[in-house]
PDB file of N, CA and C in Angstrom:
ATOM      1  N   MET A   1     -25.135-138.623 104.934  1.00  0.00           N
ATOM      2  CA  MET A   1     -24.574-139.670 105.838  1.00  0.00           C
ATOM      3  C   MET A   1     -23.856-140.695 104.907  1.00  0.00           C
ATOM      4  N   ALA A   2     -22.792-141.158 105.413  1.00  0.00           N
ATOM      5  CA  ALA A   2     -21.942-142.218 104.683  1.00  0.00           C
ATOM      6  C   ALA A   2     -22.758-143.536 104.435  1.00  0.00           C
ATOM      7  N   SER A   3     -22.487-144.153 103.309  1.00  0.00           N
ATOM      8  CA  SER A   3     -23.199-145.482 103.072  1.00  0.00           C
ATOM      9  C   SER A   3     -22.070-146.479 102.662  1.00  0.00           C
ATOM     10  N   LEU A   4     -22.235-147.683 103.282  1.00  0.00           N
ATOM     11  CA  LEU A   4     -21.283-148.833 102.946  1.00  0.00           C
ATOM     12  C   LEU A   4     -21.618-149.309 101.611  1.00  0.00           C
ATOM     13  N   LEU A   5     -20.666-149.253 100.736  1.00  0.00           N
ATOM     14  CA  LEU A   5     -20.805-149.792  99.376  1.00  0.00           C
ATOM     15  C   LEU A   5     -20.346-151.203  99.201  1.00  0.00           C
ATOM     16  N   PHE A   6     -19.250-151.516  99.813  1.00  0.00           N
ATOM     17  CA  PHE A   6     -18.600-152.814  99.644  1.00  0.00           C
ATOM     18  C   PHE A   6     -17.932-153.305 100.957  1.00  0.00           C
ATOM     19  N   ASN A   7     -18.349-154.392 101.513  1.00  0.00           N
ATOM     20  CA  ASN A   7     -17.751-154.976 102.711  1.00  0.00           C
ATOM     21  C   ASN A   7     -16.523-155.721 102.333  1.00  0.00           C
ATOM     22  N   LEU A   8     -15.409-155.630 102.920  1.00  0.00           N
ATOM     23  CA  LEU A   8     -14.208-156.285 102.615  1.00  0.00           C
ATOM     24  C   LEU A   8     -14.005-157.537 103.250  1.00  0.00           C
ATOM     25  N   ARG A   9     -14.987-158.088 104.016  1.00  0.00           N
ATOM     26  CA  ARG A   9     -14.890-159.370 104.613  1.00  0.00           C
ATOM     27  C   ARG A   9     -14.777-160.540 103.591  1.00  0.00           C
ATOM     28  N   ASN A  10     -13.803-161.397 103.716  1.00  0.00           N
ATOM     29  CA  ASN A  10     -13.580-162.550 102.843  1.00  0.00           C
ATOM     30  C   ASN A  10     -13.446-162.140 101.352  1.00  0.00           C
ATOM     31  N   VAL A  11     -12.911-160.930 101.157  1.00  0.00           N
ATOM     32  CA  VAL A  11     -12.650-160.463  99.802  1.00  0.00           C
ATOM     33  C   VAL A  11     -11.196-160.589  99.411  1.00  0.00           C
ATOM     34  N   SER A  12     -10.922-161.157  98.296  1.00  0.00           N
ATOM     35  CA  SER A  12      -9.433-161.271  97.876  1.00  0.00           C
ATOM     36  C   SER A  12      -8.873-159.885  97.574  1.00  0.00           C
ATOM     37  N   ASP A  13      -7.589-159.754  97.776  1.00  0.00           N
ATOM     38  CA  ASP A  13      -6.953-158.488  97.424  1.00  0.00           C
ATOM     39  C   ASP A  13      -7.094-158.028  95.997  1.00  0.00           C
ATOM     40  N   ASP A  14      -7.091-158.969  95.048  1.00  0.00           N
ATOM     41  CA  ASP A  14      -7.300-158.587  93.719  1.00  0.00           C
ATOM     42  C   ASP A  14      -8.595-158.065  93.377  1.00  0.00           C
ATOM     43  N   GLU A  15      -9.602-158.595  94.050  1.00  0.00           N
ATOM     44  CA  GLU A  15     -11.073-158.155  93.877  1.00  0.00           C
ATOM     45  C   GLU A  15     -11.150-156.747  94.504  1.00  0.00           C
ATOM     46  N   ALA A  16     -10.594-156.485  95.649  1.00  0.00           N
ATOM     47  CA  ALA A  16     -10.764-155.206  96.307  1.00  0.00           C
ATOM     48  C   ALA A  16      -9.916-154.201  95.439  1.00  0.00           C
ATOM     49  N   ASP A  17      -8.819-154.556  94.843  1.00  0.00           N
ATOM     50  CA  ASP A  17      -8.144-153.570  93.997  1.00  0.00           C
ATOM     51  C   ASP A  17      -8.927-153.301  92.763  1.00  0.00           C
ATOM     52  N   GLU A  18      -9.623-154.288  92.197  1.00  0.00           N
ATOM     53  CA  GLU A  18     -10.519-154.031  90.934  1.00  0.00           C
ATOM     54  C   GLU A  18     -11.479-153.109  91.321  1.00  0.00           C
ATOM     55  N   VAL A  19     -12.198-153.271  92.457  1.00  0.00           N
ATOM     56  CA  VAL A  19     -13.282-152.498  92.822  1.00  0.00           C
ATOM     57  C   VAL A  19     -12.837-151.042  93.049  1.00  0.00           C
ATOM     58  N   ARG A  20     -11.763-150.836  93.775  1.00  0.00           N
ATOM     59  CA  ARG A  20     -11.152-149.482  93.999  1.00  0.00           C
ATOM     60  C   ARG A  20     -10.863-148.856  92.620  1.00  0.00           C
ATOM     61  N   ALA A  21     -10.246-149.682  91.649  1.00  0.00           N
ATOM     62  CA  ALA A  21      -9.940-149.066  90.330  1.00  0.00           C
ATOM     63  C   ALA A  21     -11.304-148.688  89.633  1.00  0.00           C
ATOM     64  N   LEU A  22     -12.231-149.482  89.691  1.00  0.00           N
ATOM     65  CA  LEU A  22     -13.573-149.231  89.080  1.00  0.00           C
ATOM     66  C   LEU A  22     -14.206-147.897  89.542  1.00  0.00           C
ATOM     67  N   LEU A  23     -14.097-147.750  90.854  1.00  0.00           N
ATOM     68  CA  LEU A  23     -14.651-146.555  91.487  1.00  0.00           C
ATOM     69  C   LEU A  23     -13.869-145.247  91.097  1.00  0.00           C
ATOM     70  N   LEU A  24     -12.552-145.416  91.090  1.00  0.00           N
ATOM     71  CA  LEU A  24     -11.651-144.328  90.706  1.00  0.00           C
ATOM     72  C   LEU A  24     -11.847-143.981  89.092  1.00  0.00           C
ATOM     73  N   ALA A  25     -11.959-145.010  88.309  1.00  0.00           N
ATOM     74  CA  ALA A  25     -12.202-144.845  86.916  1.00  0.00           C
ATOM     75  C   ALA A  25     -13.477-144.020  86.506  1.00  0.00           C
ATOM     76  N   ASN A  26     -14.502-144.307  87.375  1.00  0.00           N
ATOM     77  CA  ASN A  26     -15.746-143.632  87.177  1.00  0.00           C
ATOM     78  C   ASN A  26     -15.860-142.342  88.071  1.00  0.00           C
ATOM     79  N   GLU A  27     -14.854-141.910  88.641  1.00  0.00           N
ATOM     80  CA  GLU A  27     -14.814-140.649  89.454  1.00  0.00           C
ATOM     81  C   GLU A  27     -15.792-140.704  90.578  1.00  0.00           C
ATOM     82  N   ILE A  28     -15.939-141.824  91.219  1.00  0.00           N
ATOM     83  CA  ILE A  28     -16.823-141.815  92.349  1.00  0.00           C
ATOM     84  C   ILE A  28     -16.025-141.772  93.695  1.00  0.00           C
ATOM     85  N   ASP A  29     -16.378-140.811  94.372  1.00  0.00           N
ATOM     86  CA  ASP A  29     -15.727-140.443  95.726  1.00  0.00           C
ATOM     87  C   ASP A  29     -15.971-141.642  96.640  1.00  0.00           C
ATOM     88  N   PHE A  30     -14.885-142.104  97.323  1.00  0.00           N
ATOM     89  CA  PHE A  30     -15.088-143.147  98.317  1.00  0.00           C
ATOM     90  C   PHE A  30     -13.965-143.107  99.266  1.00  0.00           C
ATOM     91  N   TYR A  31     -14.096-143.672 100.478  1.00  0.00           N
ATOM     92  CA  TYR A  31     -12.950-143.833 101.365  1.00  0.00           C
ATOM     93  C   TYR A  31     -13.137-145.211 101.886  1.00  0.00           C
ATOM     94  N   GLU A  32     -11.944-145.689 102.460  1.00  0.00           N
ATOM     95  CA  GLU A  32     -11.779-147.039 102.953  1.00  0.00           C
ATOM     96  C   GLU A  32     -11.611-147.038 104.443  1.00  0.00           C
ATOM     97  N   THR A  33     -12.338-148.026 105.212  1.00  0.00           N
ATOM     98  CA  THR A  33     -11.929-148.190 106.507  1.00  0.00           C
ATOM     99  C   THR A  33     -11.189-149.519 106.671  1.00  0.00           C
ATOM    100  N   PRO A  34     -10.127-149.556 107.447  1.00  0.00           N
ATOM    101  CA  PRO A  34      -9.359-150.761 107.584  1.00  0.00           C
ATOM    102  C   PRO A  34     -10.095-151.806 108.569  1.00  0.00           C
ATOM    103  N   PRO A  35      -9.640-153.075 108.447  1.00  0.00           N
ATOM    104  CA  PRO A  35     -10.177-154.015 109.368  1.00  0.00           C
ATOM    105  C   PRO A  35      -9.728-153.866 110.805  1.00  0.00           C
ATOM    106  N   SER A  36     -10.521-154.152 111.712  1.00  0.00           N
ATOM    107  CA  SER A  36     -10.109-153.987 113.084  1.00  0.00           C
ATOM    108  C   SER A  36      -9.101-154.996 113.491  1.00  0.00           C
ATOM    109  N   PHE A  37      -8.463-154.727 114.586  1.00  0.00           N
ATOM    110  CA  PHE A  37      -7.367-155.600 115.017  1.00  0.00           C
ATOM    111  C   PHE A  37      -7.888-156.970 115.516  1.00  0.00           C
ATOM    112  N   TRP A  38      -9.098-156.874 116.183  1.00  0.00           N
ATOM    113  CA  TRP A  38      -9.586-158.235 116.658  1.00  0.00           C
ATOM    114  C   TRP A  38     -10.566-158.860 115.723  1.00  0.00           C
ATOM    115  N   GLY A  39     -10.710-158.423 114.492  1.00  0.00           N
ATOM    116  CA  GLY A  39     -11.643-159.055 113.551  1.00  0.00           C
ATOM    117  C   GLY A  39     -13.046-158.782 113.668  1.00  0.00           C
ATOM    118  N   VAL A  40     -13.428-157.769 114.472  1.00  0.00           N
ATOM    119  CA  VAL A  40     -14.811-157.426 114.651  1.00  0.00           C
ATOM    120  C   VAL A  40     -15.350-156.837 113.416  1.00  0.00           C
ATOM    121  N   SER A  41     -14.581-155.909 112.815  1.00  0.00           N
ATOM    122  CA  SER A  41     -14.943-155.165 111.576  1.00  0.00           C
ATOM    123  C   SER A  41     -14.018-155.676 110.493  1.00  0.00           C
ATOM    124  N   ALA A  42     -14.474-155.888 109.400  1.00  0.00           N
ATOM    125  CA  ALA A  42     -13.584-156.359 108.252  1.00  0.00           C
ATOM    126  C   ALA A  42     -13.138-155.180 107.411  1.00  0.00           C
ATOM    127  N   GLY A  43     -13.651-154.033 107.608  1.00  0.00           N
ATOM    128  CA  GLY A  43     -13.335-152.885 106.798  1.00  0.00           C
ATOM    129  C   GLY A  43     -14.373-152.829 105.615  1.00  0.00           C
ATOM    130  N   GLY A  44     -14.256-151.729 104.924  1.00  0.00           N
ATOM    131  CA  GLY A  44     -15.108-151.636 103.737  1.00  0.00           C
ATOM    132  C   GLY A  44     -14.799-150.307 102.991  1.00  0.00           C
ATOM    133  N   LEU A  45     -15.517-150.293 101.806  1.00  0.00           N
ATOM    134  CA  LEU A  45     -15.422-149.097 101.077  1.00  0.00           C
ATOM    135  C   LEU A  45     -16.766-148.321 101.202  1.00  0.00           C
ATOM    136  N   TRP A  46     -16.614-147.034 101.476  1.00  0.00           N
ATOM    137  CA  TRP A  46     -17.790-146.372 101.837  1.00  0.00           C
ATOM    138  C   TRP A  46     -17.894-145.094 100.924  1.00  0.00           C
ATOM    139  N   LEU A  47     -19.112-144.651 100.648  1.00  0.00           N
ATOM    140  CA  LEU A  47     -19.350-143.440  99.939  1.00  0.00           C
ATOM    141  C   LEU A  47     -19.702-142.374 100.945  1.00  0.00           C
ATOM    142  N   PRO A  48     -19.200-141.279 100.774  1.00  0.00           N
ATOM    143  CA  PRO A  48     -19.305-140.196 101.828  1.00  0.00           C
ATOM    144  C   PRO A  48     -20.806-139.608 101.759  1.00  0.00           C
ATOM    145  N   GLY A  49     -21.445-139.736 100.711  1.00  0.00           N
ATOM    146  CA  GLY A  49     -22.918-139.234 100.711  1.00  0.00           C
ATOM    147  C   GLY A  49     -23.689-140.215  99.797  1.00  0.00           C
ATOM    148  N   THR A  50     -24.969-139.798  99.524  1.00  0.00           N
ATOM    149  CA  THR A  50     -25.828-140.750  98.776  1.00  0.00           C
ATOM    150  C   THR A  50     -26.015-140.272  97.437  1.00  0.00           C
ATOM    151  N   THR A  51     -25.397-139.125  96.938  1.00  0.00           N
ATOM    152  CA  THR A  51     -25.533-138.662  95.593  1.00  0.00           C
ATOM    153  C   THR A  51     -25.070-139.629  94.485  1.00  0.00           C
ATOM    154  N   GLN A  52     -24.043-140.294  94.701  1.00  0.00           N
ATOM    155  CA  GLN A  52     -23.470-141.261  93.779  1.00  0.00           C
ATOM    156  C   GLN A  52     -23.711-142.736  94.070  1.00  0.00           C
ATOM    157  N   LEU A  53     -24.630-142.954  95.148  1.00  0.00           N
ATOM    158  CA  LEU A  53     -24.871-144.350  95.637  1.00  0.00           C
ATOM    159  C   LEU A  53     -25.393-145.246  94.506  1.00  0.00           C
ATOM    160  N   ALA A  54     -26.491-144.637  93.817  1.00  0.00           N
ATOM    161  CA  ALA A  54     -27.184-145.506  92.753  1.00  0.00           C
ATOM    162  C   ALA A  54     -26.205-145.863  91.687  1.00  0.00           C
ATOM    163  N   GLN A  55     -25.429-145.042  91.173  1.00  0.00           N
ATOM    164  CA  GLN A  55     -24.489-145.156  90.173  1.00  0.00           C
ATOM    165  C   GLN A  55     -23.453-146.141  90.572  1.00  0.00           C
ATOM    166  N   ALA A  56     -22.859-146.042  91.917  1.00  0.00           N
ATOM    167  CA  ALA A  56     -21.838-146.994  92.323  1.00  0.00           C
ATOM    168  C   ALA A  56     -22.442-148.349  92.522  1.00  0.00           C
ATOM    169  N   GLN A  57     -23.660-148.533  92.972  1.00  0.00           N
ATOM    170  CA  GLN A  57     -24.301-149.864  93.112  1.00  0.00           C
ATOM    171  C   GLN A  57     -24.475-150.533  91.803  1.00  0.00           C
ATOM    172  N   ALA A  58     -24.952-149.742  90.751  1.00  0.00           N
ATOM    173  CA  ALA A  58     -25.117-150.266  89.448  1.00  0.00           C
ATOM    174  C   ALA A  58     -23.717-150.801  88.775  1.00  0.00           C
ATOM    175  N   LEU A  59     -22.679-149.879  89.035  1.00  0.00           N
ATOM    176  CA  LEU A  59     -21.350-150.310  88.531  1.00  0.00           C
ATOM    177  C   LEU A  59     -20.928-151.541  89.219  1.00  0.00           C
ATOM    178  N   LEU A  60     -21.147-151.724  90.582  1.00  0.00           N
ATOM    179  CA  LEU A  60     -20.658-152.744  91.251  1.00  0.00           C
ATOM    180  C   LEU A  60     -21.481-154.014  90.943  1.00  0.00           C
ATOM    181  N   ALA A  61     -22.657-153.844  90.682  1.00  0.00           N
ATOM    182  CA  ALA A  61     -23.496-155.077  90.368  1.00  0.00           C
ATOM    183  C   ALA A  61     -22.957-155.620  88.949  1.00  0.00           C
ATOM    184  N   ASP A  62     -22.774-154.736  87.972  1.00  0.00           N
ATOM    185  CA  ASP A  62     -22.261-155.179  86.727  1.00  0.00           C
ATOM    186  C   ASP A  62     -20.867-155.755  86.766  1.00  0.00           C
ATOM    187  N   TYR A  63     -19.966-155.292  87.708  1.00  0.00           N
ATOM    188  CA  TYR A  63     -18.553-155.726  87.942  1.00  0.00           C
ATOM    189  C   TYR A  63     -18.756-157.137  88.495  1.00  0.00           C
ATOM    190  N   GLN A  64     -19.569-157.295  89.564  1.00  0.00           N
ATOM    191  CA  GLN A  64     -19.677-158.638  90.229  1.00  0.00           C
ATOM    192  C   GLN A  64     -20.268-159.689  89.292  1.00  0.00           C
ATOM    193  N   GLN A  65     -21.149-159.293  88.482  1.00  0.00           N
ATOM    194  CA  GLN A  65     -21.617-160.241  87.466  1.00  0.00           C
ATOM    195  C   GLN A  65     -20.627-160.659  86.542  1.00  0.00           C
ATOM    196  N   ALA A  66     -19.795-159.718  85.928  1.00  0.00           N
ATOM    197  CA  ALA A  66     -18.830-160.116  85.036  1.00  0.00           C
ATOM    198  C   ALA A  66     -17.653-160.836  85.739  1.00  0.00           C
ATOM    199  N   ARG A  67     -17.286-160.492  86.966  1.00  0.00           N
ATOM    200  CA  ARG A  67     -16.267-161.236  87.687  1.00  0.00           C
ATOM    201  C   ARG A  67     -16.686-162.589  88.116  1.00  0.00           C
ATOM    202  N   GLY A  68     -17.955-162.832  88.366  1.00  0.00           N
ATOM    203  CA  GLY A  68     -18.495-164.091  88.736  1.00  0.00           C
ATOM    204  C   GLY A  68     -18.330-165.095  87.472  1.00  0.00           C
ATOM    205  N   GLU A  69     -18.755-164.553  86.259  1.00  0.00           N
ATOM    206  CA  GLU A  69     -18.724-165.391  85.051  1.00  0.00           C
ATOM    207  C   GLU A  69     -17.282-165.700  84.801  1.00  0.00           C
ATOM    208  N   ARG A  70     -16.322-164.665  84.962  1.00  0.00           N
ATOM    209  CA  ARG A  70     -14.914-164.868  84.618  1.00  0.00           C
ATOM    210  C   ARG A  70     -14.298-165.950  85.525  1.00  0.00           C
ATOM    211  N   VAL A  71     -14.532-165.890  86.854  1.00  0.00           N
ATOM    212  CA  VAL A  71     -14.029-166.735  87.864  1.00  0.00           C
ATOM    213  C   VAL A  71     -14.536-168.201  87.536  1.00  0.00           C
ATOM    214  N   ARG A  72     -15.915-168.358  87.354  1.00  0.00           N
ATOM    215  CA  ARG A  72     -16.380-169.583  87.091  1.00  0.00           C
ATOM    216  C   ARG A  72     -15.805-170.239  85.756  1.00  0.00           C
ATOM    217  N   ALA A  73     -15.489-169.464  84.780  1.00  0.00           N
ATOM    218  CA  ALA A  73     -14.894-169.943  83.639  1.00  0.00           C
ATOM    219  C   ALA A  73     -13.469-170.398  83.914  1.00  0.00           C
ATOM    220  N   GLU A  74     -12.762-169.667  84.736  1.00  0.00           N
ATOM    221  CA  GLU A  74     -11.371-169.997  85.069  1.00  0.00           C
ATOM    222  C   GLU A  74     -11.354-171.290  85.861  1.00  0.00           C
ATOM    223  N   ARG A  75     -12.335-171.453  86.687  1.00  0.00           N
ATOM    224  CA  ARG A  75     -12.458-172.656  87.512  1.00  0.00           C
ATOM    225  C   ARG A  75     -12.717-173.815  86.769  1.00  0.00           C
ATOM    226  N   ALA A  76     -13.556-173.704  85.752  1.00  0.00           N
ATOM    227  CA  ALA A  76     -13.917-174.817  84.901  1.00  0.00           C
ATOM    228  C   ALA A  76     -12.773-175.184  84.097  1.00  0.00           C
ATOM    229  N   ASP A  77     -11.949-174.285  83.538  1.00  0.00           N
ATOM    230  CA  ASP A  77     -10.776-174.541  82.852  1.00  0.00           C
ATOM    231  C   ASP A  77      -9.769-175.300  83.710  1.00  0.00           C
ATOM    232  N   ALA A  78      -9.560-174.805  84.874  1.00  0.00           N
ATOM    233  CA  ALA A  78      -8.671-175.478  85.909  1.00  0.00           C
ATOM    234  C   ALA A  78      -9.044-176.883  86.173  1.00  0.00           C
ATOM    235  N   ARG A  79     -10.382-177.149  86.297  1.00  0.00           N
ATOM    236  CA  ARG A  79     -10.863-178.438  86.585  1.00  0.00           C
ATOM    237  C   ARG A  79     -10.601-179.302  85.362  1.00  0.00           C
ATOM    238  N   ARG A  80     -10.863-178.854  84.137  1.00  0.00           N
ATOM    239  CA  ARG A  80     -10.725-179.566  82.877  1.00  0.00           C
ATOM    240  C   ARG A  80      -9.185-179.951  82.768  1.00  0.00           C
ATOM    241  N   GLU A  81      -8.391-178.996  83.141  1.00  0.00           N
ATOM    242  CA  GLU A  81      -6.897-179.288  82.903  1.00  0.00           C
ATOM    243  C   GLU A  81      -6.227-180.090  84.090  1.00  0.00           C
ATOM    244  N   GLY A  82      -7.113-180.262  85.101  1.00  0.00           N
ATOM    245  CA  GLY A  82      -6.547-180.924  86.349  1.00  0.00           C
ATOM    246  C   GLY A  82      -5.827-180.111  87.297  1.00  0.00           C
ATOM    247  N   ARG A  83      -5.855-178.726  87.114  1.00  0.00           N
ATOM    248  CA  ARG A  83      -5.181-177.872  88.072  1.00  0.00           C
ATOM    249  C   ARG A  83      -5.899-177.468  89.261  1.00  0.00           C
ATOM    250  N   ALA A  84      -7.223-177.660  89.294  1.00  0.00           N
ATOM    251  CA  ALA A  84      -8.031-177.237  90.391  1.00  0.00           C
ATOM    252  C   ALA A  84      -7.680-177.962  91.701  1.00  0.00           C
ATOM    253  N   PRO A  85      -7.528-177.236  92.810  1.00  0.00           N
ATOM    254  CA  PRO A  85      -7.218-177.939  94.059  1.00  0.00           C
ATOM    255  C   PRO A  85      -8.402-178.712  94.549  1.00  0.00           C
ATOM    256  N   GLY A  86      -8.166-179.931  95.049  1.00  0.00           N
ATOM    257  CA  GLY A  86      -9.189-180.782  95.524  1.00  0.00           C
ATOM    258  C   GLY A  86      -9.090-180.840  97.099  1.00  0.00           C
ATOM    259  N   THR A  87      -9.904-181.748  97.671  1.00  0.00           N
ATOM    260  CA  THR A  87      -9.961-181.894  99.140  1.00  0.00           C
ATOM    261  C   THR A  87      -8.606-182.278  99.694  1.00  0.00           C
ATOM    262  N   TRP A  88      -7.891-183.189  99.072  1.00  0.00           N
ATOM    263  CA  TRP A  88      -6.771-183.734  99.646  1.00  0.00           C
ATOM    264  C   TRP A  88      -5.651-182.640  99.467  1.00  0.00           C
ATOM    265  N   ASP A  89      -5.656-181.793  98.539  1.00  0.00           N
ATOM    266  CA  ASP A  89      -4.792-180.718  98.395  1.00  0.00           C
ATOM    267  C   ASP A  89      -4.930-179.679  99.528  1.00  0.00           C
ATOM    268  N   GLY A  90      -6.203-179.469  99.964  1.00  0.00           N
ATOM    269  CA  GLY A  90      -6.504-178.597 101.084  1.00  0.00           C
ATOM    270  C   GLY A  90      -6.027-179.132 102.361  1.00  0.00           C
ATOM    271  N   ILE A  91      -6.170-180.437 102.608  1.00  0.00           N
ATOM    272  CA  ILE A  91      -5.723-181.211 103.721  1.00  0.00           C
ATOM    273  C   ILE A  91      -4.179-181.136 103.868  1.00  0.00           C
ATOM    274  N   ARG A  92      -3.582-181.315 102.685  1.00  0.00           N
ATOM    275  CA  ARG A  92      -2.049-181.240 102.629  1.00  0.00           C
ATOM    276  C   ARG A  92      -1.532-179.814 102.892  1.00  0.00           C
ATOM    277  N   ALA A  93      -2.299-178.860 102.450  1.00  0.00           N
ATOM    278  CA  ALA A  93      -1.817-177.509 102.671  1.00  0.00           C
ATOM    279  C   ALA A  93      -2.039-177.016 104.121  1.00  0.00           C
ATOM    280  N   ARG A  94      -3.088-177.483 104.903  1.00  0.00           N
ATOM    281  CA  ARG A  94      -3.339-177.186 106.217  1.00  0.00           C
ATOM    282  C   ARG A  94      -3.721-178.320 106.987  1.00  0.00           C
ATOM    283  N   PRO A  95      -2.619-179.183 107.349  1.00  0.00           N
ATOM    284  CA  PRO A  95      -2.907-180.395 108.091  1.00  0.00           C
ATOM    285  C   PRO A  95      -3.415-180.193 109.549  1.00  0.00           C
ATOM    286  N   GLY A  96      -2.922-179.183 110.075  1.00  0.00           N
ATOM    287  CA  GLY A  96      -3.428-178.685 111.429  1.00  0.00           C
ATOM    288  C   GLY A  96      -4.868-178.425 111.566  1.00  0.00           C
ATOM    289  N   GLN A  97      -5.265-177.652 110.614  1.00  0.00           N
ATOM    290  CA  GLN A  97      -6.696-177.224 110.593  1.00  0.00           C
ATOM    291  C   GLN A  97      -7.507-178.460 110.187  1.00  0.00           C
ATOM    292  N   ALA A  98      -7.161-179.295 109.417  1.00  0.00           N
ATOM    293  CA  ALA A  98      -7.928-180.544 109.116  1.00  0.00           C
ATOM    294  C   ALA A  98      -7.966-181.409 110.271  1.00  0.00           C
ATOM    295  N   LEU A  99      -6.826-181.637 110.955  1.00  0.00           N
ATOM    296  CA  LEU A  99      -6.904-182.488 112.123  1.00  0.00           C
ATOM    297  C   LEU A  99      -7.761-181.846 113.318  1.00  0.00           C
ATOM    298  N   GLY A 100      -7.604-180.577 113.509  1.00  0.00           N
ATOM    299  CA  GLY A 100      -8.551-179.871 114.432  1.00  0.00           C
ATOM    300  C   GLY A 100     -10.015-180.050 114.136  1.00  0.00           C
ATOM    301  N   ALA A 101     -10.352-179.974 112.892  1.00  0.00           N
ATOM    302  CA  ALA A 101     -11.671-180.170 112.378  1.00  0.00           C
ATOM    303  C   ALA A 101     -12.198-181.657 112.718  1.00  0.00           C
ATOM    304  N   VAL A 102     -11.358-182.528 112.478  1.00  0.00           N
ATOM    305  CA  VAL A 102     -11.659-183.928 112.711  1.00  0.00           C
ATOM    306  C   VAL A 102     -11.932-184.241 114.264  1.00  0.00           C
ATOM    307  N   ILE A 103     -10.914-183.684 115.029  1.00  0.00           N
ATOM    308  CA  ILE A 103     -11.046-183.799 116.486  1.00  0.00           C
ATOM    309  C   ILE A 103     -12.347-183.114 117.010  1.00  0.00           C
ATOM    310  N   GLY A 104     -12.721-181.986 116.443  1.00  0.00           N
ATOM    311  CA  GLY A 104     -13.802-181.297 116.859  1.00  0.00           C
ATOM    312  C   GLY A 104     -15.099-182.048 116.537  1.00  0.00           C
ATOM    313  N   ILE A 105     -15.138-182.641 115.410  1.00  0.00           N
ATOM    314  CA  ILE A 105     -16.382-183.487 114.956  1.00  0.00           C
ATOM    315  C   ILE A 105     -16.342-184.728 115.945  1.00  0.00           C
ATOM    316  N   VAL A 106     -15.374-185.387 116.201  1.00  0.00           N
ATOM    317  CA  VAL A 106     -15.426-186.547 116.971  1.00  0.00           C
ATOM    318  C   VAL A 106     -15.874-186.058 118.407  1.00  0.00           C
ATOM    319  N   LEU A 107     -15.386-185.037 119.018  1.00  0.00           N
ATOM    320  CA  LEU A 107     -15.839-184.610 120.319  1.00  0.00           C
ATOM    321  C   LEU A 107     -17.393-184.228 120.340  1.00  0.00           C
ATOM    322  N   MET A 108     -17.814-183.597 119.224  1.00  0.00           N
ATOM    323  CA  MET A 108     -19.181-183.112 119.182  1.00  0.00           C
ATOM    324  C   MET A 108     -20.083-184.442 119.135  1.00  0.00           C
ATOM    325  N   LEU A 109     -19.654-185.494 118.383  1.00  0.00           N
ATOM    326  CA  LEU A 109     -20.370-186.716 118.261  1.00  0.00           C
ATOM    327  C   LEU A 109     -20.405-187.415 119.580  1.00  0.00           C
ATOM    328  N   ALA A 110     -19.274-187.369 120.312  1.00  0.00           N
ATOM    329  CA  ALA A 110     -19.218-188.029 121.627  1.00  0.00           C
ATOM    330  C   ALA A 110     -20.160-187.358 122.618  1.00  0.00           C
ATOM    331  N   VAL A 111     -20.184-186.113 122.612  1.00  0.00           N
ATOM    332  CA  VAL A 111     -21.104-185.347 123.557  1.00  0.00           C
ATOM    333  C   VAL A 111     -22.542-185.611 123.203  1.00  0.00           C
ATOM    334  N   VAL A 112     -22.873-185.803 121.954  1.00  0.00           N
ATOM    335  CA  VAL A 112     -24.286-186.058 121.532  1.00  0.00           C
ATOM    336  C   VAL A 112     -24.597-187.562 121.836  1.00  0.00           C
ATOM    337  N   ILE A 113     -23.745-188.445 121.592  1.00  0.00           N
ATOM    338  CA  ILE A 113     -23.949-189.948 121.724  1.00  0.00           C
ATOM    339  C   ILE A 113     -23.907-190.406 123.148  1.00  0.00           C
ATOM    340  N   LEU A 114     -22.986-189.850 123.900  1.00  0.00           N
ATOM    341  CA  LEU A 114     -22.617-190.370 125.300  1.00  0.00           C
ATOM    342  C   LEU A 114     -23.892-190.469 126.078  1.00  0.00           C
ATOM    343  N   PRO A 115     -24.868-189.506 126.260  1.00  0.00           N
ATOM    344  CA  PRO A 115     -25.992-189.733 127.068  1.00  0.00           C
ATOM    345  C   PRO A 115     -26.860-190.958 126.710  1.00  0.00           C
ATOM    346  N   PHE A 116     -26.914-191.208 125.455  1.00  0.00           N
ATOM    347  CA  PHE A 116     -27.697-192.401 124.957  1.00  0.00           C
ATOM    348  C   PHE A 116     -26.919-193.782 125.390  1.00  0.00           C
ATOM    349  N   LEU A 117     -25.627-193.679 125.384  1.00  0.00           N
ATOM    350  CA  LEU A 117     -24.931-194.928 125.779  1.00  0.00           C
ATOM    351  C   LEU A 117     -24.868-195.066 127.208  1.00  0.00           C
ATOM    352  N   LEU A 118     -25.042-194.019 128.027  1.00  0.00           N
ATOM    353  CA  LEU A 118     -25.134-194.217 129.332  1.00  0.00           C
ATOM    354  C   LEU A 118     -26.541-194.562 129.864  1.00  0.00           C
ATOM    355  N   LEU A 119     -27.532-194.135 129.139  1.00  0.00           N
ATOM    356  CA  LEU A 119     -28.850-194.600 129.493  1.00  0.00           C
ATOM    357  C   LEU A 119     -29.189-195.949 129.146  1.00  0.00           C
ATOM    358  N   ALA A 120     -28.511-196.500 128.091  1.00  0.00           N
ATOM    359  CA  ALA A 120     -28.645-197.890 127.615  1.00  0.00           C
ATOM    360  C   ALA A 120     -28.207-199.000 128.678  1.00  0.00           C
ATOM    361  N   ARG A 121     -27.386-198.494 129.700  1.00  0.00           N
ATOM    362  CA  ARG A 121     -26.821-199.527 130.667  1.00  0.00           C
ATOM    363  C   ARG A 121     -27.864-199.919 131.675  1.00  0.00           C
TER     364      ARG A 121
END
């Protein structure tokens, strides 16, 4: 029976490429399922059997540990050099999303507070 090794939801393209290369370099048989059109399934990397599952999981755990350390170091360097994006950079990059979030928060607060304001009268 096939086993899901790596879910591709919220995974960057470079990370997915590195995991594919890792599996190929270690001669681990796998196949990939694409994400669904409606976003129900994000796709993933699957092993056709369980014979190589333990080896693949150990390789993946080592890879993720090393990648996490590397990415944290890159982020720390970017912060130190002032290149790391901040909150205002994110708002400037996606103003519509930021405005939608603010409107949603205001509407939710209004729905929560409105009954208390009406009862106070």
